[in-house]
Amino acid sequence: MLTENQRAVLAHVVVDPDAWYAHAIAHFGQVIADVQLATKVARLQAIYEAESVKPGYKTRVEREAEAKK
């Protein structure tokens, strides 16, 4: 299960954070998926924090939906 922070950081770059995590578990197992999750969140944390405080911040799914309009 993802923490609120992990979900928010992942949502900056993936469409569905829960699906991403479930896919990682299904393909690599729980232990490796947790390592992948921790690595990805650590790598993206500062980027997410810098972007998420900007006015009008949107997650990836929101950005893609807007681009399709």
C-alpha atoms as a PDB file:
ATOM      1  CA  MET A   1       0.000   0.000   0.000  1.00  0.00           C
ATOM      2  CA  LEU A   2       1.322   3.418  -0.965  1.00  0.00           C
ATOM      3  CA  THR A   3       1.647   6.237   1.507  1.00  0.00           C
ATOM      4  CA  GLU A   4      -0.015   9.551   0.696  1.00  0.00           C
ATOM      5  CA  ASN A   5       3.390  11.046  -0.145  1.00  0.00           C
ATOM      6  CA  GLN A   6       4.422   8.139  -2.371  1.00  0.00           C
ATOM      7  CA  ARG A   7       1.129   8.342  -4.251  1.00  0.00           C
ATOM      8  CA  ALA A   8       1.480  12.114  -4.723  1.00  0.00           C
ATOM      9  CA  VAL A   9       5.084  11.881  -5.956  1.00  0.00           C
ATOM     10  CA  LEU A  10       4.245   9.061  -8.358  1.00  0.00           C
ATOM     11  CA  ALA A  11       1.167  10.913  -9.616  1.00  0.00           C
ATOM     12  CA  HIS A  12       3.495  13.629 -10.846  1.00  0.00           C
ATOM     13  CA  VAL A  13       4.990  11.208 -13.410  1.00  0.00           C
ATOM     14  CA  VAL A  14       2.646   8.220 -13.818  1.00  0.00           C
ATOM     15  CA  VAL A  15      -1.043   8.132 -14.706  1.00  0.00           C
ATOM     16  CA  ASP A  16      -2.063   5.684 -11.983  1.00  0.00           C
ATOM     17  CA  PRO A  17       0.319   5.280  -9.030  1.00  0.00           C
ATOM     18  CA  ASP A  18      -1.571   2.297  -7.588  1.00  0.00           C
ATOM     19  CA  ALA A  19      -1.516   0.489 -10.938  1.00  0.00           C
ATOM     20  CA  TRP A  20       2.210   1.228 -11.316  1.00  0.00           C
ATOM     21  CA  TYR A  21       2.897  -0.287  -7.897  1.00  0.00           C
ATOM     22  CA  ALA A  22       0.638  -3.297  -8.512  1.00  0.00           C
ATOM     23  CA  HIS A  23       2.415  -3.906 -11.832  1.00  0.00           C
ATOM     24  CA  ALA A  24       5.806  -3.772 -10.111  1.00  0.00           C
ATOM     25  CA  ILE A  25       4.657  -6.288  -7.490  1.00  0.00           C
ATOM     26  CA  ALA A  26       3.166  -8.610 -10.105  1.00  0.00           C
ATOM     27  CA  HIS A  27       6.309  -8.635 -12.216  1.00  0.00           C
ATOM     28  CA  PHE A  28       9.099  -8.413  -9.651  1.00  0.00           C
ATOM     29  CA  GLY A  29       7.623  -9.452  -6.290  1.00  0.00           C
ATOM     30  CA  GLN A  30       6.970  -7.397  -3.178  1.00  0.00           C
ATOM     31  CA  VAL A  31      10.583  -6.943  -2.049  1.00  0.00           C
ATOM     32  CA  ILE A  32      11.922  -5.669  -5.382  1.00  0.00           C
ATOM     33  CA  ALA A  33       8.790  -3.573  -5.974  1.00  0.00           C
ATOM     34  CA  ASP A  34       9.333  -1.864  -2.630  1.00  0.00           C
ATOM     35  CA  VAL A  35      12.951  -1.122  -3.550  1.00  0.00           C
ATOM     36  CA  GLN A  36      11.851   0.242  -6.934  1.00  0.00           C
ATOM     37  CA  LEU A  37       9.199   2.373  -5.241  1.00  0.00           C
ATOM     38  CA  ALA A  38      11.630   3.793  -2.691  1.00  0.00           C
ATOM     39  CA  THR A  39      14.194   4.532  -5.405  1.00  0.00           C
ATOM     40  CA  LYS A  40      11.684   6.222  -7.696  1.00  0.00           C
ATOM     41  CA  VAL A  41      10.170   8.333  -4.912  1.00  0.00           C
ATOM     42  CA  ALA A  42      13.619   9.374  -3.640  1.00  0.00           C
ATOM     43  CA  ARG A  43      14.672  10.387  -7.149  1.00  0.00           C
ATOM     44  CA  LEU A  44      11.489  12.384  -7.811  1.00  0.00           C
ATOM     45  CA  GLN A  45      10.744  13.852  -4.369  1.00  0.00           C
ATOM     46  CA  ALA A  46      12.560  17.172  -4.884  1.00  0.00           C
ATOM     47  CA  ILE A  47      11.118  17.601  -8.387  1.00  0.00           C
ATOM     48  CA  TYR A  48       7.602  16.946  -7.110  1.00  0.00           C
ATOM     49  CA  GLU A  49       8.038  19.327  -4.175  1.00  0.00           C
ATOM     50  CA  ALA A  50       9.271  22.122  -6.454  1.00  0.00           C
ATOM     51  CA  GLU A  51       6.478  21.651  -8.990  1.00  0.00           C
ATOM     52  CA  SER A  52       3.565  20.970  -6.641  1.00  0.00           C
ATOM     53  CA  VAL A  53       3.781  24.369  -4.945  1.00  0.00           C
ATOM     54  CA  LYS A  54       3.426  26.266  -8.221  1.00  0.00           C
ATOM     55  CA  PRO A  55       0.039  27.833  -8.913  1.00  0.00           C
ATOM     56  CA  GLY A  56      -2.167  25.593 -11.029  1.00  0.00           C
ATOM     57  CA  TYR A  57      -0.142  22.444 -10.349  1.00  0.00           C
ATOM     58  CA  LYS A  58      -1.523  19.368 -12.129  1.00  0.00           C
ATOM     59  CA  THR A  59      -0.707  15.688 -11.830  1.00  0.00           C
ATOM     60  CA  ARG A  60       0.283  13.761 -14.946  1.00  0.00           C
ATOM     61  CA  VAL A  61      -3.253  12.475 -15.485  1.00  0.00           C
ATOM     62  CA  GLU A  62      -4.591  16.033 -15.230  1.00  0.00           C
ATOM     63  CA  ARG A  63      -1.939  17.331 -17.646  1.00  0.00           C
ATOM     64  CA  GLU A  64      -2.733  14.591 -20.161  1.00  0.00           C
ATOM     65  CA  ALA A  65      -6.472  15.198 -19.908  1.00  0.00           C
ATOM     66  CA  GLU A  66      -5.911  18.913 -20.504  1.00  0.00           C
ATOM     67  CA  ALA A  67      -3.677  18.192 -23.499  1.00  0.00           C
ATOM     68  CA  LYS A  68      -6.429  16.071 -25.093  1.00  0.00           C
ATOM     69  CA  LYS A  69      -8.914  18.947 -25.044  1.00  0.00           C
END
